[in-house]
Protein backbone atom coordinates (compact mmCIF):
# COMPACT_ATOMS: atom_id res chain seq x y z
CA MET A 1 0.16 3.24 -3.63
CA ARG A 2 -1.09 4.93 -0.50
CA ALA A 3 2.40 6.14 0.49
CA ALA A 4 2.89 7.62 -2.98
CA ALA A 5 -0.47 9.44 -2.78
CA LEU A 6 0.45 10.88 0.62
CA HIS A 7 3.86 11.96 -0.65
CA ALA A 8 2.30 13.73 -3.64
CA LYS A 9 -0.11 15.66 -1.38
CA TYR A 10 2.35 16.26 1.49
CA PRO A 11 5.83 16.39 -0.06
CA SER A 12 7.49 17.68 3.13
CA ALA A 13 6.00 14.91 5.33
CA LEU A 14 8.04 11.85 6.25
CA ILE A 15 6.25 8.65 5.27
CA GLY A 16 7.22 5.20 6.49
CA LEU A 17 6.05 1.69 5.63
CA THR A 18 6.47 -1.25 7.98
CA GLU A 19 5.84 -4.97 7.78
CA ASP A 20 5.32 -5.34 11.53
CA PRO A 21 2.03 -7.25 11.90
CA ASP A 22 1.46 -5.74 15.36
CA GLY A 23 2.26 -2.16 14.45
CA PRO A 24 0.96 0.38 12.02
CA HIS A 25 1.73 -0.46 8.40
CA LEU A 26 1.82 3.14 7.18
CA VAL A 27 3.04 6.09 9.26
CA CYS A 28 3.07 9.73 8.21
CA TRP A 29 4.97 12.30 10.28
CA GLY A 30 4.24 15.99 9.82
CA ALA A 31 1.53 16.11 7.16
CA GLU A 32 -0.13 18.38 9.70
CA PRO A 33 2.22 20.21 12.08
CA GLY A 34 2.85 18.23 15.25
CA GLU A 35 0.90 15.16 14.14
CA VAL A 36 1.73 11.55 13.33
CA TRP A 37 -0.87 9.58 11.39
CA ILE A 38 -1.02 5.77 11.44
CA TRP A 39 -2.89 3.20 9.34
CA GLN A 40 -3.30 -0.57 9.43
CA PHE A 41 -3.89 -2.56 6.23
CA LEU A 42 -6.02 -5.71 6.31
CA PRO A 43 -7.15 -8.07 3.55
CA GLU A 44 -10.81 -7.50 2.82
CA ASP A 45 -11.36 -11.04 1.59
CA ASP A 46 -9.54 -12.89 4.38
CA PRO A 47 -11.99 -15.01 6.40
CA TYR A 48 -10.31 -13.88 9.64
CA ALA A 49 -10.20 -10.17 8.73
CA GLY A 50 -13.72 -9.74 10.06
CA PHE A 51 -12.45 -10.54 13.54
CA GLU A 52 -9.59 -8.06 13.27
CA ILE A 53 -11.32 -5.12 11.61
CA PRO A 54 -12.99 -3.75 14.78
CA ARG A 55 -9.68 -3.67 16.69
CA ALA A 56 -7.31 -2.84 13.82
CA PRO A 57 -7.48 0.97 13.81
CA GLY A 58 -4.77 2.15 16.18
CA ARG A 59 -3.17 -1.25 16.65
CA GLY A 60 0.49 -0.73 17.42
CA TRP A 61 -0.12 2.81 18.62
CA SER A 62 2.80 2.57 21.04
CA ILE A 63 5.23 1.65 18.25
CA ALA A 64 4.58 4.96 16.51
CA ARG A 65 4.32 6.88 19.79
CA ASP A 66 7.69 5.55 21.04
CA ASP A 67 9.51 6.19 17.76
CA PRO A 68 12.08 9.00 18.21
CA LEU A 69 10.62 10.72 15.13
CA SER A 70 7.34 11.12 17.04
CA ALA A 71 8.87 12.98 20.01
CA GLY A 72 6.64 15.90 20.94
CA MET A 73 4.05 14.96 18.33
CA ARG A 74 0.46 13.75 18.72
CA VAL A 75 -0.11 10.25 17.32
CA ARG A 76 -3.58 9.70 15.88
CA LEU A 77 -5.45 7.49 13.45
CA GLY A 78 -4.82 8.48 9.86
CA PRO A 79 -7.80 10.09 8.18
CA THR A 80 -9.54 8.28 5.37
CA PHE A 81 -7.91 9.14 2.07
CA ALA A 82 -11.21 10.56 0.84
CA ASP A 83 -11.18 12.97 3.81
CA LEU A 84 -7.71 14.10 2.66
CA GLY A 85 -9.07 14.84 -0.82
CA LEU A 86 -7.33 11.77 -2.25
CA PRO A 87 -9.00 8.84 -4.03
CA ALA A 88 -10.96 6.59 -1.66
CA ASP A 89 -9.52 3.59 -3.52
CA ASP A 90 -6.41 2.86 -5.57
CA THR A 91 -5.62 0.00 -7.91
CA ALA A 92 -2.22 -1.01 -9.22
CA ILE A 93 -0.33 -4.08 -10.36
CA ASP A 94 1.74 -5.83 -7.70
CA HIS A 95 4.52 -7.20 -9.90
CA LEU A 96 6.07 -9.29 -7.12
CA ALA A 97 2.87 -11.21 -6.44
CA ALA A 98 1.63 -11.11 -10.07
CA ARG A 99 -1.73 -9.68 -9.16
CA GLN A 100 -3.75 -6.51 -9.33
CA LEU A 101 -4.17 -4.97 -5.88
CA THR A 102 -7.00 -2.66 -4.82
CA ILE A 103 -6.78 -0.69 -1.57
CA PHE A 104 -9.72 1.27 -0.20
CA ASP A 105 -10.84 3.35 2.77
CA ALA A 106 -12.57 1.58 5.63
CA VAL A 107 -12.55 3.87 8.68
CA PRO A 108 -9.91 6.30 9.97
CA GLY A 109 -6.73 4.35 10.62
CA LEU A 110 -7.77 1.36 8.53
CA GLN A 111 -7.32 0.52 4.86
CA LEU A 112 -8.67 -2.70 3.35
CA TYR A 113 -7.29 -4.43 0.28
CA TYR A 114 -7.91 -7.33 -2.07
CA GLY A 115 -6.04 -8.76 -5.01
CA GLU A 116 -6.92 -10.52 -8.21
CA ASP A 117 -4.47 -12.78 -10.00
CA HIS A 118 -4.12 -13.20 -13.77
CA ALA A 119 -6.66 -16.05 -13.82
CA THR A 120 -9.49 -13.77 -12.63
CA ASN A 121 -8.45 -10.37 -13.94
CA PRO A 122 -8.20 -9.39 -17.63
CA THR A 123 -5.68 -6.63 -16.83
CA MET A 124 -3.36 -9.19 -15.25
CA ALA A 125 -3.86 -11.55 -18.18
CA MET A 126 -2.74 -8.78 -20.55
CA TRP A 127 0.22 -8.04 -18.26
CA ASP A 128 1.19 -11.72 -18.38
CA VAL A 129 1.06 -11.71 -22.20
CA THR A 130 3.11 -8.49 -22.35
CA VAL A 131 5.80 -9.96 -20.07
CA ARG A 132 6.02 -13.10 -22.21
CA VAL A 133 6.23 -11.11 -25.46
CA ASN A 134 9.01 -8.94 -24.01
CA GLU A 135 10.90 -12.08 -22.92
CA LEU A 136 10.54 -13.43 -26.44
CA TYR A 137 11.93 -10.22 -27.98
CA ARG A 138 14.86 -10.23 -25.53
CA GLY A 139 15.58 -13.84 -26.52
CA VAL A 140 15.50 -12.97 -30.22
CA ASP A 141 17.80 -9.98 -29.67
CA LYS A 142 20.22 -12.13 -27.68
CA ALA A 143 20.25 -14.81 -30.40
CA ARG A 144 20.94 -12.16 -33.05
CA ALA A 145 23.80 -10.71 -30.97
CA ASN A 146 25.33 -14.18 -30.51
CA ARG A 147 25.24 -14.83 -34.29
CA ARG A 148 27.41 -11.78 -34.99
């Protein structure tokens, strides 16, 4: 969600996502000339996140700094999305985890997120029903095709 928002605002920037727990999770090269922006993402509702939040912004700085794409560029904490004129929070359905995910600004360089599964979120419950109805229709269509 956040990468898509950055791409829409800065179409010529290069945006990368990583799954490295020790590095930045989102990197944006060239949104501003000569700059690399980095962000960490942490779960807002994780009992251990409170211990990591103060040190999260800028974690993995050297990974972005040492990347060949960053040569000659200044690496800095990514601004809050609100400071970029983008929504301070985004919500979308994470189809792989079957939950609704909300990501929001914390401080520069840090985004927090939380998710709700279908048991606690009406939107996810409707998604679950829609998926099941579509599976049913596909099954009916397949049965009809096999009868011919």
